[in-house]
Amino acid sequence: MFFLAIAVTGLIGFFLDPVFDGIGYWMLVDLGSLRSLWITISSMPLLPYFRFNNTVVMGSLTFALASFIPLFVLMIWLIKSYRKRWRERILRSQFMRTFKATKLYGLYQKYESFRSRWEATS
């Protein structure tokens, strides 16, 4: 799931780059009232290494901060909806029965049993 999430968010980020660039340009150039803040940040010892002067970096950071709470609420709703409506159907599906027969699922089961024993002893 981790690698799938990285791939999906990487693709979404790639297609949203023009949006991030526009937001970053607006933050860095069009908002003249923040210019002194950007100069101060770029003059500090470590902050220039984060490349906040890049429009895509600034735009994606601004977008991420602005969308965090709405996405968090949406994800909670989607997870509850999944657990209520879809979980049992997916677990009984032919795909899951086939997936449970693979060696990958067997490795996952071994990992889960090891993890549960490890947590019980900790």
N, C-alpha and C. Protein backbone atom coordinates (compact mmCIF):
# COMPACT_ATOMS: atom_id res chain seq x y z
N MET A 1 0.83 -1.19 0.00
CA MET A 1 0.00 0.00 0.00
C MET A 1 0.87 1.26 0.00
N PHE A 2 2.00 1.18 0.69
CA PHE A 2 2.90 2.32 0.74
C PHE A 2 3.40 2.70 -0.66
N PHE A 3 3.87 1.70 -1.39
CA PHE A 3 4.39 1.97 -2.73
C PHE A 3 3.29 2.41 -3.69
N LEU A 4 2.11 1.86 -3.52
CA LEU A 4 0.98 2.28 -4.34
C LEU A 4 0.62 3.73 -4.04
N ALA A 5 0.62 4.10 -2.77
CA ALA A 5 0.32 5.47 -2.39
C ALA A 5 1.37 6.44 -2.94
N ILE A 6 2.63 6.05 -2.91
CA ILE A 6 3.69 6.90 -3.46
C ILE A 6 3.50 7.09 -4.96
N ALA A 7 3.18 6.01 -5.66
CA ALA A 7 2.98 6.10 -7.11
C ALA A 7 1.79 6.99 -7.45
N VAL A 8 0.69 6.82 -6.74
CA VAL A 8 -0.52 7.60 -7.03
C VAL A 8 -0.30 9.07 -6.71
N THR A 9 0.27 9.37 -5.54
CA THR A 9 0.49 10.78 -5.19
C THR A 9 1.55 11.41 -6.08
N GLY A 10 2.52 10.63 -6.54
CA GLY A 10 3.51 11.15 -7.48
C GLY A 10 2.87 11.55 -8.80
N LEU A 11 1.95 10.71 -9.29
CA LEU A 11 1.24 11.05 -10.53
C LEU A 11 0.33 12.27 -10.34
N ILE A 12 -0.36 12.31 -9.21
CA ILE A 12 -1.22 13.47 -8.94
C ILE A 12 -0.38 14.73 -8.86
N GLY A 13 0.75 14.66 -8.16
CA GLY A 13 1.65 15.81 -8.06
C GLY A 13 2.18 16.26 -9.40
N PHE A 14 2.50 15.30 -10.25
CA PHE A 14 3.00 15.64 -11.59
C PHE A 14 1.96 16.42 -12.38
N PHE A 15 0.71 15.99 -12.31
CA PHE A 15 -0.34 16.68 -13.06
C PHE A 15 -0.77 17.99 -12.41
N LEU A 16 -0.53 18.14 -11.11
CA LEU A 16 -0.88 19.38 -10.42
C LEU A 16 0.26 20.39 -10.39
N ASP A 17 1.40 20.08 -10.98
CA ASP A 17 2.53 21.02 -10.99
C ASP A 17 2.17 22.40 -11.52
N PRO A 18 1.41 22.52 -12.61
CA PRO A 18 1.04 23.87 -13.05
C PRO A 18 0.21 24.63 -12.02
N VAL A 19 -0.64 23.92 -11.30
CA VAL A 19 -1.43 24.56 -10.25
C VAL A 19 -0.51 25.02 -9.12
N PHE A 20 0.41 24.14 -8.72
CA PHE A 20 1.35 24.49 -7.66
C PHE A 20 2.22 25.67 -8.08
N ASP A 21 2.64 25.68 -9.33
CA ASP A 21 3.45 26.78 -9.83
C ASP A 21 2.68 28.09 -9.76
N GLY A 22 1.42 28.07 -10.13
CA GLY A 22 0.59 29.28 -10.06
C GLY A 22 0.41 29.78 -8.64
N ILE A 23 0.15 28.86 -7.72
CA ILE A 23 0.00 29.24 -6.31
C ILE A 23 1.31 29.79 -5.78
N GLY A 24 2.42 29.13 -6.09
CA GLY A 24 3.73 29.58 -5.62
C GLY A 24 4.11 30.93 -6.20
N TYR A 25 3.81 31.14 -7.47
CA TYR A 25 4.10 32.43 -8.08
C TYR A 25 3.29 33.53 -7.40
N TRP A 26 2.04 33.23 -7.13
CA TRP A 26 1.20 34.22 -6.44
C TRP A 26 1.76 34.52 -5.05
N MET A 27 2.20 33.48 -4.33
CA MET A 27 2.73 33.69 -2.97
C MET A 27 4.05 34.46 -3.00
N LEU A 28 4.93 34.11 -3.93
CA LEU A 28 6.27 34.68 -3.93
C LEU A 28 6.37 36.02 -4.64
N VAL A 29 5.59 36.22 -5.69
CA VAL A 29 5.75 37.43 -6.51
C VAL A 29 4.60 38.40 -6.34
N ASP A 30 3.36 37.90 -6.48
CA ASP A 30 2.21 38.79 -6.49
C ASP A 30 1.86 39.36 -5.12
N LEU A 31 2.14 38.63 -4.05
CA LEU A 31 1.87 39.15 -2.71
C LEU A 31 3.07 39.96 -2.23
N GLY A 32 3.07 41.23 -2.57
CA GLY A 32 4.20 42.09 -2.21
C GLY A 32 4.35 42.28 -0.72
N SER A 33 3.25 42.11 0.04
CA SER A 33 3.33 42.29 1.48
C SER A 33 4.16 41.19 2.16
N LEU A 34 4.35 40.07 1.50
CA LEU A 34 5.15 38.98 2.08
C LEU A 34 6.60 38.98 1.60
N ARG A 35 6.96 39.92 0.75
CA ARG A 35 8.30 39.94 0.17
C ARG A 35 9.39 40.00 1.25
N SER A 36 9.19 40.82 2.28
CA SER A 36 10.20 40.91 3.34
C SER A 36 10.34 39.58 4.08
N LEU A 37 9.23 38.83 4.23
CA LEU A 37 9.30 37.52 4.86
C LEU A 37 10.15 36.56 4.02
N TRP A 38 9.96 36.57 2.70
CA TRP A 38 10.73 35.67 1.84
C TRP A 38 12.21 36.05 1.84
N ILE A 39 12.51 37.33 1.91
CA ILE A 39 13.91 37.76 1.97
C ILE A 39 14.54 37.30 3.28
N THR A 40 13.79 37.43 4.37
CA THR A 40 14.30 36.98 5.67
C THR A 40 14.54 35.47 5.67
N ILE A 41 13.60 34.73 5.12
CA ILE A 41 13.75 33.27 5.08
C ILE A 41 14.96 32.88 4.24
N SER A 42 15.14 33.53 3.11
CA SER A 42 16.28 33.16 2.25
C SER A 42 17.61 33.61 2.83
N SER A 43 17.59 34.48 3.84
CA SER A 43 18.83 34.94 4.47
C SER A 43 19.21 34.11 5.69
N MET A 44 18.31 33.25 6.16
CA MET A 44 18.58 32.45 7.35
C MET A 44 19.56 31.32 7.01
N PRO A 45 20.21 30.74 8.03
CA PRO A 45 21.25 29.75 7.76
C PRO A 45 20.78 28.47 7.05
N LEU A 46 19.70 27.84 7.48
CA LEU A 46 19.33 26.53 6.91
C LEU A 46 18.12 26.56 5.99
N LEU A 47 17.25 27.53 6.13
CA LEU A 47 16.01 27.52 5.36
C LEU A 47 16.18 27.60 3.84
N PRO A 48 17.21 28.22 3.30
CA PRO A 48 17.34 28.19 1.83
C PRO A 48 17.49 26.79 1.26
N TYR A 49 17.96 25.83 2.05
CA TYR A 49 18.11 24.47 1.55
C TYR A 49 16.76 23.79 1.29
N PHE A 50 15.67 24.33 1.88
CA PHE A 50 14.34 23.79 1.63
C PHE A 50 13.73 24.32 0.34
N ARG A 51 14.40 25.26 -0.31
CA ARG A 51 14.02 25.81 -1.61
C ARG A 51 12.62 26.42 -1.63
N PHE A 52 12.32 27.18 -0.58
CA PHE A 52 11.04 27.87 -0.54
C PHE A 52 10.95 28.97 -1.60
N ASN A 53 12.06 29.34 -2.21
CA ASN A 53 12.03 30.34 -3.27
C ASN A 53 11.60 29.75 -4.60
N ASN A 54 11.43 28.45 -4.68
CA ASN A 54 10.94 27.78 -5.88
C ASN A 54 9.42 27.85 -5.88
N THR A 55 8.83 28.29 -6.99
CA THR A 55 7.38 28.47 -7.03
C THR A 55 6.62 27.16 -6.86
N VAL A 56 7.13 26.06 -7.41
CA VAL A 56 6.44 24.78 -7.28
C VAL A 56 6.52 24.29 -5.84
N VAL A 57 7.66 24.44 -5.20
CA VAL A 57 7.81 24.02 -3.80
C VAL A 57 6.89 24.85 -2.90
N MET A 58 6.89 26.15 -3.08
CA MET A 58 6.04 27.02 -2.26
C MET A 58 4.56 26.75 -2.53
N GLY A 59 4.21 26.55 -3.80
CA GLY A 59 2.81 26.28 -4.13
C GLY A 59 2.33 24.94 -3.59
N SER A 60 3.16 23.92 -3.68
CA SER A 60 2.74 22.61 -3.17
C SER A 60 2.66 22.61 -1.65
N LEU A 61 3.56 23.32 -0.99
CA LEU A 61 3.49 23.44 0.47
C LEU A 61 2.23 24.19 0.89
N THR A 62 1.93 25.29 0.22
CA THR A 62 0.72 26.05 0.53
C THR A 62 -0.53 25.22 0.28
N PHE A 63 -0.55 24.51 -0.84
CA PHE A 63 -1.69 23.66 -1.18
C PHE A 63 -1.86 22.55 -0.14
N ALA A 64 -0.76 21.94 0.27
CA ALA A 64 -0.82 20.86 1.26
C ALA A 64 -1.33 21.36 2.60
N LEU A 65 -0.85 22.51 3.04
CA LEU A 65 -1.31 23.06 4.32
C LEU A 65 -2.77 23.46 4.27
N ALA A 66 -3.20 24.03 3.13
CA ALA A 66 -4.59 24.46 3.00
C ALA A 66 -5.55 23.28 2.87
N SER A 67 -5.10 22.18 2.30
CA SER A 67 -6.01 21.05 2.06
C SER A 67 -5.91 19.96 3.13
N PHE A 68 -5.07 20.14 4.13
CA PHE A 68 -4.87 19.09 5.13
C PHE A 68 -6.15 18.76 5.89
N ILE A 69 -6.80 19.75 6.48
CA ILE A 69 -8.00 19.51 7.29
C ILE A 69 -9.15 18.96 6.44
N PRO A 70 -9.47 19.57 5.28
CA PRO A 70 -10.55 18.97 4.48
C PRO A 70 -10.25 17.54 4.03
N LEU A 71 -9.03 17.25 3.65
CA LEU A 71 -8.69 15.89 3.24
C LEU A 71 -8.73 14.92 4.42
N PHE A 72 -8.34 15.38 5.58
CA PHE A 72 -8.39 14.54 6.79
C PHE A 72 -9.83 14.14 7.09
N VAL A 73 -10.73 15.12 7.06
CA VAL A 73 -12.15 14.85 7.32
C VAL A 73 -12.71 13.92 6.24
N LEU A 74 -12.37 14.18 4.98
CA LEU A 74 -12.83 13.33 3.88
C LEU A 74 -12.33 11.90 4.04
N MET A 75 -11.08 11.72 4.42
CA MET A 75 -10.53 10.37 4.58
C MET A 75 -11.22 9.63 5.73
N ILE A 76 -11.51 10.31 6.82
CA ILE A 76 -12.23 9.66 7.93
C ILE A 76 -13.60 9.19 7.45
N TRP A 77 -14.30 10.04 6.69
CA TRP A 77 -15.61 9.67 6.17
C TRP A 77 -15.50 8.49 5.21
N LEU A 78 -14.50 8.51 4.32
CA LEU A 78 -14.33 7.42 3.36
C LEU A 78 -13.99 6.10 4.05
N ILE A 79 -13.17 6.14 5.08
CA ILE A 79 -12.81 4.92 5.81
C ILE A 79 -14.02 4.34 6.52
N LYS A 80 -14.80 5.20 7.16
CA LYS A 80 -16.01 4.72 7.83
C LYS A 80 -16.99 4.14 6.81
N SER A 81 -17.12 4.81 5.69
CA SER A 81 -18.01 4.33 4.64
C SER A 81 -17.53 2.98 4.10
N TYR A 82 -16.24 2.84 3.88
CA TYR A 82 -15.66 1.58 3.41
C TYR A 82 -15.95 0.46 4.40
N ARG A 83 -15.72 0.72 5.67
CA ARG A 83 -15.92 -0.32 6.69
C ARG A 83 -17.39 -0.72 6.80
N LYS A 84 -18.27 0.23 6.61
CA LYS A 84 -19.69 -0.04 6.74
C LYS A 84 -20.28 -0.74 5.52
N ARG A 85 -19.89 -0.30 4.31
CA ARG A 85 -20.56 -0.75 3.10
C ARG A 85 -19.78 -1.74 2.24
N TRP A 86 -18.46 -1.60 2.17
CA TRP A 86 -17.69 -2.32 1.17
C TRP A 86 -16.77 -3.40 1.70
N ARG A 87 -16.38 -3.32 2.94
CA ARG A 87 -15.34 -4.21 3.46
C ARG A 87 -15.70 -5.69 3.29
N GLU A 88 -16.90 -6.07 3.73
CA GLU A 88 -17.29 -7.47 3.65
C GLU A 88 -17.40 -7.94 2.21
N ARG A 89 -17.91 -7.09 1.33
CA ARG A 89 -18.01 -7.46 -0.09
C ARG A 89 -16.63 -7.70 -0.70
N ILE A 90 -15.71 -6.83 -0.36
CA ILE A 90 -14.35 -6.97 -0.91
C ILE A 90 -13.67 -8.21 -0.36
N LEU A 91 -13.85 -8.48 0.94
CA LEU A 91 -13.23 -9.66 1.53
C LEU A 91 -13.79 -10.96 0.94
N ARG A 92 -15.05 -10.96 0.52
CA ARG A 92 -15.67 -12.15 -0.06
C ARG A 92 -15.50 -12.22 -1.58
N SER A 93 -14.88 -11.22 -2.19
CA SER A 93 -14.78 -11.18 -3.65
C SER A 93 -13.81 -12.24 -4.18
N GLN A 94 -13.96 -12.54 -5.45
CA GLN A 94 -13.08 -13.50 -6.11
C GLN A 94 -11.64 -13.01 -6.10
N PHE A 95 -11.45 -11.71 -6.27
CA PHE A 95 -10.11 -11.13 -6.26
C PHE A 95 -9.41 -11.43 -4.93
N MET A 96 -10.09 -11.21 -3.82
CA MET A 96 -9.47 -11.44 -2.52
C MET A 96 -9.22 -12.92 -2.27
N ARG A 97 -10.12 -13.77 -2.72
CA ARG A 97 -9.88 -15.21 -2.57
C ARG A 97 -8.65 -15.63 -3.37
N THR A 98 -8.50 -15.06 -4.55
CA THR A 98 -7.32 -15.36 -5.36
C THR A 98 -6.06 -14.79 -4.71
N PHE A 99 -6.16 -13.56 -4.22
CA PHE A 99 -5.01 -12.91 -3.58
C PHE A 99 -4.57 -13.67 -2.32
N LYS A 100 -5.53 -14.18 -1.55
CA LYS A 100 -5.19 -14.92 -0.33
C LYS A 100 -4.48 -16.24 -0.63
N ALA A 101 -4.57 -16.71 -1.86
CA ALA A 101 -3.90 -17.95 -2.25
C ALA A 101 -2.46 -17.72 -2.70
N THR A 102 -2.02 -16.48 -2.79
CA THR A 102 -0.67 -16.19 -3.28
C THR A 102 0.36 -16.28 -2.15
N LYS A 103 1.61 -16.39 -2.54
CA LYS A 103 2.71 -16.41 -1.57
C LYS A 103 2.88 -15.06 -0.90
N LEU A 104 2.55 -13.98 -1.61
CA LEU A 104 2.66 -12.64 -1.04
C LEU A 104 1.75 -12.51 0.18
N TYR A 105 0.54 -13.02 0.07
CA TYR A 105 -0.37 -12.97 1.21
C TYR A 105 0.14 -13.86 2.35
N GLY A 106 0.75 -14.98 2.01
CA GLY A 106 1.35 -15.83 3.03
C GLY A 106 2.45 -15.12 3.80
N LEU A 107 3.27 -14.36 3.08
CA LEU A 107 4.31 -13.56 3.74
C LEU A 107 3.69 -12.50 4.64
N TYR A 108 2.62 -11.89 4.17
CA TYR A 108 1.92 -10.88 4.98
C TYR A 108 1.38 -11.52 6.26
N GLN A 109 0.81 -12.70 6.16
CA GLN A 109 0.29 -13.39 7.34
C GLN A 109 1.41 -13.70 8.33
N LYS A 110 2.57 -14.14 7.84
CA LYS A 110 3.71 -14.39 8.72
C LYS A 110 4.15 -13.12 9.41
N TYR A 111 4.20 -12.02 8.65
CA TYR A 111 4.57 -10.73 9.23
C TYR A 111 3.59 -10.32 10.31
N GLU A 112 2.31 -10.47 10.05
CA GLU A 112 1.29 -10.08 11.03
C GLU A 112 1.39 -10.92 12.30
N SER A 113 1.63 -12.22 12.16
CA SER A 113 1.74 -13.06 13.36
C SER A 113 3.01 -12.70 14.14
N PHE A 114 4.10 -12.41 13.44
CA PHE A 114 5.33 -11.99 14.10
C PHE A 114 5.12 -10.66 14.82
N ARG A 115 4.45 -9.74 14.14
CA ARG A 115 4.21 -8.41 14.72
C ARG A 115 3.32 -8.51 15.96
N SER A 116 2.28 -9.32 15.90
CA SER A 116 1.39 -9.45 17.05
C SER A 116 2.11 -10.09 18.25
N ARG A 117 2.98 -11.08 17.97
CA ARG A 117 3.77 -11.67 19.05
C ARG A 117 4.76 -10.66 19.61
N TRP A 118 5.36 -9.87 18.74
CA TRP A 118 6.33 -8.86 19.18
C TRP A 118 5.66 -7.80 20.05
N GLU A 119 4.46 -7.36 19.65
CA GLU A 119 3.76 -6.36 20.43
C GLU A 119 3.28 -6.92 21.76
N ALA A 120 2.96 -8.21 21.79
CA ALA A 120 2.51 -8.83 23.03
C ALA A 120 3.64 -8.92 24.05
N THR A 121 4.87 -9.10 23.57
CA THR A 121 6.01 -9.20 24.50
C THR A 121 6.56 -7.83 24.89
N SER A 122 6.24 -6.80 24.14
CA SER A 122 6.78 -5.46 24.43
C SER A 122 6.03 -4.80 25.56
